[in-house]
C-alpha atoms as a PDB file:
ATOM      1  CA  MET A   1      -8.552  -1.286  -9.628  1.00  0.00           C
ATOM      2  CA  LYS A   2      -6.746   2.229 -10.705  1.00  0.00           C
ATOM      3  CA  GLY A   3      -8.221   5.012 -12.716  1.00  0.00           C
ATOM      4  CA  ASN A   4     -11.722   7.590 -11.525  1.00  0.00           C
ATOM      5  CA  MET A   5     -10.917   7.860  -8.091  1.00  0.00           C
ATOM      6  CA  GLU A   6     -14.398   8.966  -7.400  1.00  0.00           C
ATOM      7  CA  GLU A   7     -15.818   5.880  -9.101  1.00  0.00           C
ATOM      8  CA  ARG A   8     -13.568   3.465  -7.099  1.00  0.00           C
ATOM      9  CA  ALA A   9     -14.625   5.477  -3.848  1.00  0.00           C
ATOM     10  CA  GLU A  10     -18.554   4.627  -4.490  1.00  0.00           C
ATOM     11  CA  ARG A  11     -17.646   1.011  -5.622  1.00  0.00           C
ATOM     12  CA  LEU A  12     -15.918   0.516  -2.116  1.00  0.00           C
ATOM     13  CA  ALA A  13     -18.808   1.986  -0.470  1.00  0.00           C
ATOM     14  CA  LEU A  14     -21.533   0.029  -2.014  1.00  0.00           C
ATOM     15  CA  TYR A  15     -19.596  -3.095  -1.614  1.00  0.00           C
ATOM     16  CA  ILE A  16     -18.887  -2.023   2.294  1.00  0.00           C
ATOM     17  CA  LEU A  17     -22.852  -1.322   2.249  1.00  0.00           C
ATOM     18  CA  GLU A  18     -23.919  -4.217   0.790  1.00  0.00           C
ATOM     19  CA  ASN A  19     -21.649  -6.754   2.509  1.00  0.00           C
ATOM     20  CA  ARG A  20     -21.055  -4.949   5.942  1.00  0.00           C
ATOM     21  CA  ALA A  21     -17.429  -5.131   5.204  1.00  0.00           C
ATOM     22  CA  THR A  22     -14.544  -4.233   7.261  1.00  0.00           C
ATOM     23  CA  VAL A  23     -11.947  -2.021   5.457  1.00  0.00           C
ATOM     24  CA  ARG A  24      -9.299  -4.631   5.167  1.00  0.00           C
ATOM     25  CA  ALA A  25     -12.191  -7.279   3.838  1.00  0.00           C
ATOM     26  CA  ALA A  26     -12.924  -4.370   1.332  1.00  0.00           C
ATOM     27  CA  ALA A  27      -8.770  -3.654   0.734  1.00  0.00           C
ATOM     28  CA  GLN A  28      -8.337  -7.237  -0.243  1.00  0.00           C
ATOM     29  CA  ARG A  29     -11.419  -7.832  -1.978  1.00  0.00           C
ATOM     30  CA  PHE A  30     -10.181  -4.725  -4.608  1.00  0.00           C
ATOM     31  CA  GLU A  31      -6.555  -5.123  -4.228  1.00  0.00           C
ATOM     32  CA  ILE A  32      -5.922  -1.746  -2.825  1.00  0.00           C
ATOM     33  CA  SER A  33      -4.190  -0.808   0.484  1.00  0.00           C
ATOM     34  CA  LYS A  34      -6.344   0.100   3.511  1.00  0.00           C
ATOM     35  CA  SER A  35      -5.206   3.447   4.066  1.00  0.00           C
ATOM     36  CA  THR A  36      -5.953   3.689   0.243  1.00  0.00           C
ATOM     37  CA  VAL A  37      -9.800   2.371   1.167  1.00  0.00           C
ATOM     38  CA  HIS A  38     -10.020   4.918   4.107  1.00  0.00           C
ATOM     39  CA  LYS A  39      -8.575   7.413   2.451  1.00  0.00           C
ATOM     40  CA  ASP A  40     -11.232   7.255   0.026  1.00  0.00           C
ATOM     41  CA  LEU A  41     -14.161   6.647   2.201  1.00  0.00           C
ATOM     42  CA  SER A  42     -13.342   9.075   4.510  1.00  0.00           C
ATOM     43  CA  GLU A  43     -12.281  12.416   2.035  1.00  0.00           C
ATOM     44  CA  ARG A  44     -12.954  11.889  -1.387  1.00  0.00           C
ATOM     45  CA  LEU A  45     -16.581  10.497  -0.981  1.00  0.00           C
ATOM     46  CA  PRO A  46     -18.154  13.207   1.240  1.00  0.00           C
ATOM     47  CA  ALA A  47     -16.947  15.552  -1.541  1.00  0.00           C
ATOM     48  CA  PHE A  48     -19.189  14.125  -4.223  1.00  0.00           C
ATOM     49  CA  ASN A  49     -21.941  11.748  -2.674  1.00  0.00           C
ATOM     50  CA  ARG A  50     -22.542  13.097   0.972  1.00  0.00           C
ATOM     51  CA  THR A  51     -25.352  10.385   1.586  1.00  0.00           C
ATOM     52  CA  LEU A  52     -23.522   7.417   0.735  1.00  0.00           C
ATOM     53  CA  TYR A  53     -21.031   8.701   2.902  1.00  0.00           C
ATOM     54  CA  LEU A  54     -23.413   9.109   5.869  1.00  0.00           C
ATOM     55  CA  GLN A  55     -24.612   5.474   4.912  1.00  0.00           C
ATOM     56  CA  VAL A  56     -20.943   4.242   5.133  1.00  0.00           C
ATOM     57  CA  LYS A  57     -20.183   6.182   8.199  1.00  0.00           C
ATOM     58  CA  GLU A  58     -22.465   4.303   9.822  1.00  0.00           C
ATOM     59  CA  VAL A  59     -20.893   0.578   9.315  1.00  0.00           C
ATOM     60  CA  LEU A  60     -17.846   1.577   9.966  1.00  0.00           C
ATOM     61  CA  GLU A  61     -18.305   3.183  13.058  1.00  0.00           C
ATOM     62  CA  ALA A  62     -20.043  -0.271  13.947  1.00  0.00           C
ATOM     63  CA  ASN A  63     -16.962  -2.496  12.790  1.00  0.00           C
ATOM     64  CA  LYS A  64     -14.894  -0.062  14.901  1.00  0.00           C
ATOM     65  CA  ALA A  65     -17.010  -0.751  17.985  1.00  0.00           C
ATOM     66  CA  GLU A  66     -16.755  -4.548  17.276  1.00  0.00           C
ATOM     67  CA  ARG A  67     -13.181  -4.844  16.468  1.00  0.00           C
ATOM     68  CA  HIS A  68     -12.201  -5.517  19.860  1.00  0.00           C
ATOM     69  CA  ILE A  69     -14.880  -8.503  20.305  1.00  0.00           C
ATOM     70  CA  ARG A  70     -13.349  -9.841  16.504  1.00  0.00           C
ATOM     71  CA  GLY A  71      -9.746  -9.466  18.092  1.00  0.00           C
ATOM     72  CA  GLY A  72     -10.813 -11.417  21.417  1.00  0.00           C
ATOM     73  CA  LEU A  73     -12.352 -13.960  19.471  1.00  0.00           C
ATOM     74  CA  ALA A  74      -9.426 -14.425  16.890  1.00  0.00           C
ATOM     75  CA  THR A  75      -7.062 -14.336  20.034  1.00  0.00           C
ATOM     76  CA  ARG A  76      -9.480 -17.531  21.789  1.00  0.00           C
ATOM     77  CA  LYS A  77      -9.563 -19.566  18.380  1.00  0.00           C
ATOM     78  CA  LYS A  78      -5.444 -19.167  17.752  1.00  0.00           C
ATOM     79  CA  TYR A  79      -4.741 -20.653  21.622  1.00  0.00           C
ATOM     80  CA  LYS A  80      -7.725 -23.287  21.864  1.00  0.00           C
ATOM     81  CA  GLY A  81      -7.185 -24.639  18.171  1.00  0.00           C
ATOM     82  CA  THR A  82     -10.926 -24.261  17.145  1.00  0.00           C
END
């Protein structure tokens, strides 16, 4: 998904908002790196669409607050075998 960086940033933001997706999930979906997703959302998006950036920032902050829980569940699943 190369090309217009603003368009890519906007599409990433809409995907994350619609699916409440993580940066990792968005990177896999669009076949780009996590650092590209992060750069698009944190640096490029606020420059041209501040309101969309603020909405996405809320989802990303929620994901960040929950990630230790998801990590614990993944570890539990790994060792319990379920």
